[in-house]
Amino acid sequence: MLTVAFLATGCNNETKKNGNIEDVQIKAAGSLPYIPDYSSSFKMGNPEYSAMILQGSWKDWENNSLDNMKNWVADTVVVFHSDNSIVKGADSLMARWKRGRAKYASVIDTIDAVIPVFSTDKNENWVLVWAREINTKIDGTKDTAAVMETWRINKDGKADMLLQYDRAKRKM
């Protein structure tokens, strides 16, 4: 819901320079037909968090290097997977992802967009990822999906929540 509320909201942007970094304050436009439950007050977040999520959640999955997970995931992580399952804890998440990745001979990920954002009224960092994934199973069949992930980053700079959504590729 955070991502939908954030992305569906019309925005006014205020830009100011902080050294070499542009700080873009995103505020809800005039009158919205809905009031976002979480927040409508965002600014661009830390790009290092984008790099962390892309390396850990995407590149390490693609390369089957999931042992690196402890470096960037909080012990208390809670993950809401697109199949409606919930996983709690870094060890449980690593075990689940290792089981899932073992089903594939290869994975090809394409990142369409990654956006680090900071909710100014909630004082929380988030990373939004839009991607496409082609998974080749051990038997040679392929699964293709469009994936959207919304990661929350805690005060220690580790991912502590994931909201994941996907859509199987449609044949046209």
Protein backbone atom coordinates (compact mmCIF):
# COMPACT_ATOMS: atom_id res chain seq x y z
CA MET A 1 0.00 0.00 0.00
CA LEU A 2 2.88 2.35 0.73
CA THR A 3 4.14 2.12 -2.81
CA VAL A 4 0.71 2.47 -4.36
CA ALA A 5 -0.08 5.50 -2.21
CA PHE A 6 3.30 7.02 -2.96
CA LEU A 7 3.22 6.42 -6.69
CA ALA A 8 -0.44 7.23 -7.23
CA THR A 9 -0.15 10.55 -5.43
CA GLY A 10 0.23 13.61 -7.59
CA CYS A 11 3.31 15.44 -6.35
CA ASN A 12 4.81 18.88 -6.08
CA ASN A 13 8.58 18.81 -5.92
CA GLU A 14 10.82 21.28 -4.14
CA THR A 15 14.51 20.97 -4.96
CA LYS A 16 17.44 22.35 -2.98
CA LYS A 17 21.15 21.66 -3.17
CA ASN A 18 22.97 19.97 -0.27
CA GLY A 19 26.58 19.96 -1.45
CA ASN A 20 26.56 17.69 -4.51
CA ILE A 21 23.25 16.01 -3.69
CA GLU A 22 19.90 17.38 -4.78
CA ASP A 23 17.28 17.04 -2.06
CA VAL A 24 13.85 16.65 -3.65
CA GLN A 25 10.95 17.11 -1.27
CA ILE A 26 7.86 15.34 -2.56
CA LYS A 27 4.57 16.62 -1.21
CA ALA A 28 1.03 15.70 -2.09
CA ALA A 29 -0.55 17.99 -4.65
CA GLY A 30 -3.49 20.20 -3.71
CA SER A 31 -6.48 18.03 -2.96
CA LEU A 32 -6.26 14.29 -3.25
CA PRO A 33 -9.29 12.04 -3.61
CA TYR A 34 -7.81 9.94 -0.76
CA ILE A 35 -5.63 10.73 2.23
CA PRO A 36 -2.69 8.31 2.29
CA ASP A 37 -2.77 6.19 5.46
CA TYR A 38 1.01 5.98 5.77
CA SER A 39 2.40 9.26 4.47
CA SER A 40 2.38 11.73 1.63
CA SER A 41 5.53 13.50 2.76
CA PHE A 42 8.65 12.06 1.12
CA LYS A 43 12.02 13.22 -0.03
CA MET A 44 14.63 11.35 -1.99
CA GLY A 45 16.43 8.85 0.23
CA ASN A 46 19.95 7.54 0.55
CA PRO A 47 21.20 6.03 -2.75
CA GLU A 48 23.47 3.70 -0.77
CA TYR A 49 20.35 1.88 0.41
CA SER A 50 19.38 1.31 -3.23
CA ALA A 51 22.78 -0.22 -3.91
CA MET A 52 22.47 -2.42 -0.81
CA ILE A 53 19.05 -3.76 -1.83
CA LEU A 54 20.05 -4.33 -5.45
CA GLN A 55 23.17 -6.21 -4.40
CA GLY A 56 21.52 -8.24 -1.65
CA SER A 57 18.02 -8.95 -2.87
CA TRP A 58 18.73 -9.05 -6.58
CA LYS A 59 22.36 -9.63 -7.58
CA ASP A 60 23.02 -12.14 -4.77
CA TRP A 61 19.80 -14.00 -5.73
CA GLU A 62 20.82 -14.01 -9.38
CA ASN A 63 24.36 -15.25 -8.50
CA ASN A 64 23.10 -17.68 -5.83
CA SER A 65 25.19 -15.92 -3.17
CA LEU A 66 22.56 -15.81 -0.44
CA ASP A 67 25.03 -16.28 2.43
CA ASN A 68 25.73 -12.54 2.11
CA MET A 69 22.27 -11.82 3.51
CA LYS A 70 23.45 -11.35 7.11
CA ASN A 71 25.36 -8.25 5.96
CA TRP A 72 22.28 -6.26 5.02
CA VAL A 73 19.19 -7.86 6.59
CA ALA A 74 18.13 -7.14 10.18
CA ASP A 75 17.75 -10.16 12.46
CA THR A 76 14.13 -9.08 13.00
CA VAL A 77 13.20 -8.78 9.30
CA VAL A 78 9.59 -9.46 8.36
CA VAL A 79 8.88 -10.38 4.75
CA PHE A 80 5.48 -10.42 3.07
CA HIS A 81 6.11 -12.45 -0.08
CA SER A 82 3.98 -12.18 -3.19
CA ASP A 83 2.59 -15.69 -2.58
CA ASN A 84 0.95 -14.35 0.63
CA SER A 85 3.44 -16.10 2.91
CA ILE A 86 5.07 -14.26 5.78
CA VAL A 87 8.63 -14.99 6.89
CA LYS A 88 10.05 -13.61 10.15
CA GLY A 89 13.74 -13.45 11.00
CA ALA A 90 16.92 -13.36 8.92
CA ASP A 91 17.70 -17.07 9.39
CA SER A 92 14.21 -18.10 8.27
CA LEU A 93 14.40 -15.76 5.29
CA MET A 94 17.80 -17.07 4.23
CA ALA A 95 16.59 -20.68 4.50
CA ARG A 96 13.45 -19.90 2.46
CA TRP A 97 15.36 -18.03 -0.24
CA LYS A 98 18.01 -20.76 -0.47
CA ARG A 99 15.28 -23.40 -0.94
CA GLY A 100 13.61 -21.25 -3.57
CA ARG A 101 16.81 -20.42 -5.45
CA ALA A 102 17.83 -24.11 -5.53
CA LYS A 103 14.86 -24.76 -7.84
CA TYR A 104 16.49 -22.70 -10.59
CA ALA A 105 19.44 -23.50 -12.84
CA SER A 106 19.74 -19.82 -13.71
CA VAL A 107 18.19 -16.44 -12.99
CA ILE A 108 18.31 -13.30 -15.10
CA ASP A 109 17.16 -10.10 -13.39
CA THR A 110 16.50 -6.78 -15.08
CA ILE A 111 15.99 -3.73 -12.88
CA ASP A 112 13.57 -1.25 -14.39
CA ALA A 113 13.76 1.31 -11.57
CA VAL A 114 15.10 1.69 -8.05
CA ILE A 115 14.05 4.63 -5.92
CA PRO A 116 15.31 5.39 -2.41
CA VAL A 117 12.80 7.50 -0.48
CA PHE A 118 12.61 8.94 3.02
CA SER A 119 9.30 9.56 4.78
CA THR A 120 9.87 12.86 6.55
CA ASP A 121 6.88 12.55 8.89
CA LYS A 122 7.58 8.88 9.80
CA ASN A 123 11.40 9.25 9.80
CA GLU A 124 11.77 6.03 7.78
CA ASN A 125 13.88 5.03 4.79
CA TRP A 126 12.44 2.89 2.02
CA VAL A 127 13.73 1.46 -1.25
CA LEU A 128 11.31 0.79 -4.10
CA VAL A 129 12.34 -1.66 -6.83
CA TRP A 130 10.59 -2.44 -10.12
CA ALA A 131 12.13 -5.37 -11.94
CA ARG A 132 11.66 -8.28 -14.31
CA GLU A 133 12.94 -11.75 -13.61
CA ILE A 134 13.47 -14.79 -15.83
CA ASN A 135 13.99 -17.97 -13.81
CA THR A 136 15.06 -21.14 -15.61
CA LYS A 137 14.09 -24.22 -13.63
CA ILE A 138 16.31 -27.27 -13.35
CA ASP A 139 14.13 -29.02 -15.99
CA GLY A 140 14.65 -26.12 -18.43
CA THR A 141 11.21 -24.49 -18.16
CA LYS A 142 11.11 -20.76 -17.58
CA ASP A 143 9.14 -18.54 -15.24
CA THR A 144 8.99 -14.86 -16.11
CA ALA A 145 7.58 -12.26 -13.75
CA ALA A 146 7.36 -8.55 -13.21
CA VAL A 147 8.28 -7.87 -9.58
CA MET A 148 7.81 -4.89 -7.31
CA GLU A 149 9.53 -4.77 -3.93
CA THR A 150 9.20 -2.18 -1.19
CA TRP A 151 11.97 -2.46 1.42
CA ARG A 152 12.07 -0.59 4.74
CA ILE A 153 15.51 0.24 6.11
CA ASN A 154 15.92 0.49 9.89
CA LYS A 155 17.98 2.97 11.91
CA ASP A 156 20.97 0.57 11.76
CA GLY A 157 20.94 0.71 7.96
CA LYS A 158 19.60 -2.84 7.51
CA ALA A 159 16.48 -4.03 5.73
CA ASP A 160 13.82 -4.93 8.30
CA MET A 161 10.69 -5.31 6.14
CA LEU A 162 9.82 -6.34 2.60
CA LEU A 163 6.50 -6.00 0.83
CA GLN A 164 6.74 -7.98 -2.41
CA TYR A 165 4.36 -8.14 -5.36
CA ASP A 166 4.67 -9.93 -8.69
CA ARG A 167 2.80 -10.65 -11.86
CA ALA A 168 3.51 -13.55 -14.16
CA LYS A 169 4.32 -12.45 -17.69
CA ARG A 170 1.22 -12.41 -19.82
CA LYS A 171 1.24 -13.81 -23.31
CA MET A 172 0.18 -11.24 -25.87
